[in-house]
Amino acid sequence: MLTSLQLELLKTFSRPIPDEQVLEIKQLLADYFARKVDQGIDALFEEKGWDSNTVEGWLEGHGRTPYRHD
Protein backbone atom coordinates (compact mmCIF):
# COMPACT_ATOMS: atom_id res chain seq x y z
CA MET A 1 0.00 0.00 0.00
CA LEU A 2 1.32 3.42 -0.93
CA THR A 3 1.39 6.29 1.53
CA SER A 4 -0.29 9.61 0.82
CA LEU A 5 3.15 11.14 0.19
CA GLN A 6 4.04 8.44 -2.33
CA LEU A 7 0.75 8.93 -4.15
CA GLU A 8 1.24 12.69 -4.25
CA LEU A 9 4.77 12.28 -5.63
CA LEU A 10 3.51 9.88 -8.30
CA LYS A 11 0.90 12.43 -9.38
CA THR A 12 3.38 15.29 -9.33
CA PHE A 13 6.02 13.44 -11.34
CA SER A 14 3.79 11.48 -13.70
CA ARG A 15 5.67 12.89 -16.70
CA PRO A 16 9.28 12.09 -17.59
CA ILE A 17 11.91 14.40 -16.13
CA PRO A 18 15.65 14.56 -16.82
CA ASP A 19 18.01 12.61 -14.56
CA GLU A 20 19.58 15.88 -13.42
CA GLN A 21 16.22 17.02 -12.03
CA VAL A 22 15.71 13.66 -10.33
CA LEU A 23 19.03 14.15 -8.53
CA GLU A 24 18.07 17.70 -7.56
CA ILE A 25 14.75 16.49 -6.13
CA LYS A 26 16.49 13.72 -4.21
CA GLN A 27 18.83 16.33 -2.73
CA LEU A 28 15.90 18.56 -1.80
CA LEU A 29 14.23 15.66 0.01
CA ALA A 30 17.48 14.68 1.76
CA ASP A 31 17.99 18.30 2.88
CA TYR A 32 14.40 18.48 4.15
CA PHE A 33 14.75 15.34 6.27
CA ALA A 34 18.20 16.41 7.52
CA ARG A 35 16.65 19.69 8.73
CA LYS A 36 13.87 17.74 10.48
CA VAL A 37 16.49 15.60 12.27
CA ASP A 38 18.41 18.73 13.31
CA GLN A 39 15.22 20.31 14.63
CA GLY A 40 14.39 17.16 16.57
CA ILE A 41 17.86 17.00 18.10
CA ASP A 42 17.70 20.70 19.01
CA ALA A 43 14.32 20.15 20.69
CA LEU A 44 15.66 17.14 22.60
CA PHE A 45 18.70 19.09 23.82
CA GLU A 46 16.41 21.93 24.92
CA GLU A 47 14.00 19.55 26.67
CA LYS A 48 16.76 17.64 28.50
CA GLY A 49 18.90 20.70 29.26
CA TRP A 50 21.86 19.21 27.40
CA ASP A 51 24.73 21.35 26.10
CA SER A 52 28.25 20.98 24.70
CA ASN A 53 29.49 19.84 28.12
CA THR A 54 27.01 16.97 28.00
CA VAL A 55 28.34 15.90 24.61
CA GLU A 56 31.94 16.14 25.85
CA GLY A 57 30.99 13.86 28.75
CA TRP A 58 29.56 11.35 26.30
CA LEU A 59 32.78 11.43 24.28
CA GLU A 60 34.98 10.90 27.34
CA GLY A 61 32.91 8.12 28.91
CA HIS A 62 32.50 4.61 27.66
CA GLY A 63 28.75 4.59 28.42
CA ARG A 64 28.65 0.91 29.34
CA THR A 65 27.81 -0.87 32.54
CA PRO A 66 30.98 -2.43 33.95
CA TYR A 67 31.19 -6.19 33.68
CA ARG A 68 31.17 -7.84 37.09
CA HIS A 69 33.02 -11.07 37.81
CA ASP A 70 31.15 -13.03 40.46
C-alpha atoms as a PDB file:
ATOM      1  CA  MET A   1       0.000   0.000   0.000  1.00  0.00           C
ATOM      2  CA  LEU A   2       1.317   3.421  -0.933  1.00  0.00           C
ATOM      3  CA  THR A   3       1.388   6.292   1.532  1.00  0.00           C
ATOM      4  CA  SER A   4      -0.291   9.614   0.817  1.00  0.00           C
ATOM      5  CA  LEU A   5       3.154  11.137   0.190  1.00  0.00           C
ATOM      6  CA  GLN A   6       4.044   8.438  -2.331  1.00  0.00           C
ATOM      7  CA  LEU A   7       0.748   8.929  -4.153  1.00  0.00           C
ATOM      8  CA  GLU A   8       1.241  12.688  -4.247  1.00  0.00           C
ATOM      9  CA  LEU A   9       4.766  12.284  -5.629  1.00  0.00           C
ATOM     10  CA  LEU A  10       3.509   9.882  -8.300  1.00  0.00           C
ATOM     11  CA  LYS A  11       0.895  12.430  -9.382  1.00  0.00           C
ATOM     12  CA  THR A  12       3.384  15.292  -9.328  1.00  0.00           C
ATOM     13  CA  PHE A  13       6.018  13.441 -11.338  1.00  0.00           C
ATOM     14  CA  SER A  14       3.788  11.484 -13.700  1.00  0.00           C
ATOM     15  CA  ARG A  15       5.666  12.888 -16.695  1.00  0.00           C
ATOM     16  CA  PRO A  16       9.278  12.091 -17.591  1.00  0.00           C
ATOM     17  CA  ILE A  17      11.911  14.396 -16.126  1.00  0.00           C
ATOM     18  CA  PRO A  18      15.652  14.559 -16.816  1.00  0.00           C
ATOM     19  CA  ASP A  19      18.009  12.609 -14.560  1.00  0.00           C
ATOM     20  CA  GLU A  20      19.579  15.879 -13.417  1.00  0.00           C
ATOM     21  CA  GLN A  21      16.222  17.020 -12.028  1.00  0.00           C
ATOM     22  CA  VAL A  22      15.710  13.660 -10.335  1.00  0.00           C
ATOM     23  CA  LEU A  23      19.034  14.151  -8.531  1.00  0.00           C
ATOM     24  CA  GLU A  24      18.068  17.701  -7.556  1.00  0.00           C
ATOM     25  CA  ILE A  25      14.749  16.490  -6.134  1.00  0.00           C
ATOM     26  CA  LYS A  26      16.490  13.718  -4.207  1.00  0.00           C
ATOM     27  CA  GLN A  27      18.830  16.326  -2.729  1.00  0.00           C
ATOM     28  CA  LEU A  28      15.896  18.562  -1.796  1.00  0.00           C
ATOM     29  CA  LEU A  29      14.233  15.662   0.015  1.00  0.00           C
ATOM     30  CA  ALA A  30      17.477  14.681   1.764  1.00  0.00           C
ATOM     31  CA  ASP A  31      17.989  18.296   2.880  1.00  0.00           C
ATOM     32  CA  TYR A  32      14.400  18.477   4.150  1.00  0.00           C
ATOM     33  CA  PHE A  33      14.752  15.340   6.267  1.00  0.00           C
ATOM     34  CA  ALA A  34      18.196  16.411   7.522  1.00  0.00           C
ATOM     35  CA  ARG A  35      16.647  19.688   8.733  1.00  0.00           C
ATOM     36  CA  LYS A  36      13.873  17.737  10.482  1.00  0.00           C
ATOM     37  CA  VAL A  37      16.489  15.601  12.269  1.00  0.00           C
ATOM     38  CA  ASP A  38      18.413  18.732  13.308  1.00  0.00           C
ATOM     39  CA  GLN A  39      15.222  20.314  14.633  1.00  0.00           C
ATOM     40  CA  GLY A  40      14.386  17.162  16.570  1.00  0.00           C
ATOM     41  CA  ILE A  41      17.856  17.002  18.103  1.00  0.00           C
ATOM     42  CA  ASP A  42      17.702  20.697  19.010  1.00  0.00           C
ATOM     43  CA  ALA A  43      14.322  20.152  20.692  1.00  0.00           C
ATOM     44  CA  LEU A  44      15.656  17.138  22.601  1.00  0.00           C
ATOM     45  CA  PHE A  45      18.695  19.092  23.818  1.00  0.00           C
ATOM     46  CA  GLU A  46      16.414  21.928  24.923  1.00  0.00           C
ATOM     47  CA  GLU A  47      14.002  19.551  26.674  1.00  0.00           C
ATOM     48  CA  LYS A  48      16.757  17.641  28.501  1.00  0.00           C
ATOM     49  CA  GLY A  49      18.902  20.696  29.255  1.00  0.00           C
ATOM     50  CA  TRP A  50      21.857  19.214  27.402  1.00  0.00           C
ATOM     51  CA  ASP A  51      24.728  21.350  26.097  1.00  0.00           C
ATOM     52  CA  SER A  52      28.253  20.984  24.704  1.00  0.00           C
ATOM     53  CA  ASN A  53      29.487  19.842  28.123  1.00  0.00           C
ATOM     54  CA  THR A  54      27.010  16.965  27.998  1.00  0.00           C
ATOM     55  CA  VAL A  55      28.342  15.899  24.613  1.00  0.00           C
ATOM     56  CA  GLU A  56      31.941  16.139  25.853  1.00  0.00           C
ATOM     57  CA  GLY A  57      30.988  13.864  28.751  1.00  0.00           C
ATOM     58  CA  TRP A  58      29.563  11.345  26.299  1.00  0.00           C
ATOM     59  CA  LEU A  59      32.779  11.426  24.278  1.00  0.00           C
ATOM     60  CA  GLU A  60      34.978  10.899  27.336  1.00  0.00           C
ATOM     61  CA  GLY A  61      32.907   8.116  28.906  1.00  0.00           C
ATOM     62  CA  HIS A  62      32.496   4.607  27.664  1.00  0.00           C
ATOM     63  CA  GLY A  63      28.749   4.586  28.416  1.00  0.00           C
ATOM     64  CA  ARG A  64      28.648   0.912  29.338  1.00  0.00           C
ATOM     65  CA  THR A  65      27.807  -0.872  32.538  1.00  0.00           C
ATOM     66  CA  PRO A  66      30.982  -2.427  33.948  1.00  0.00           C
ATOM     67  CA  TYR A  67      31.190  -6.190  33.683  1.00  0.00           C
ATOM     68  CA  ARG A  68      31.167  -7.841  37.087  1.00  0.00           C
ATOM     69  CA  HIS A  69      33.020 -11.066  37.807  1.00  0.00           C
ATOM     70  CA  ASP A  70      31.151 -13.026  40.461  1.00  0.00           C
END
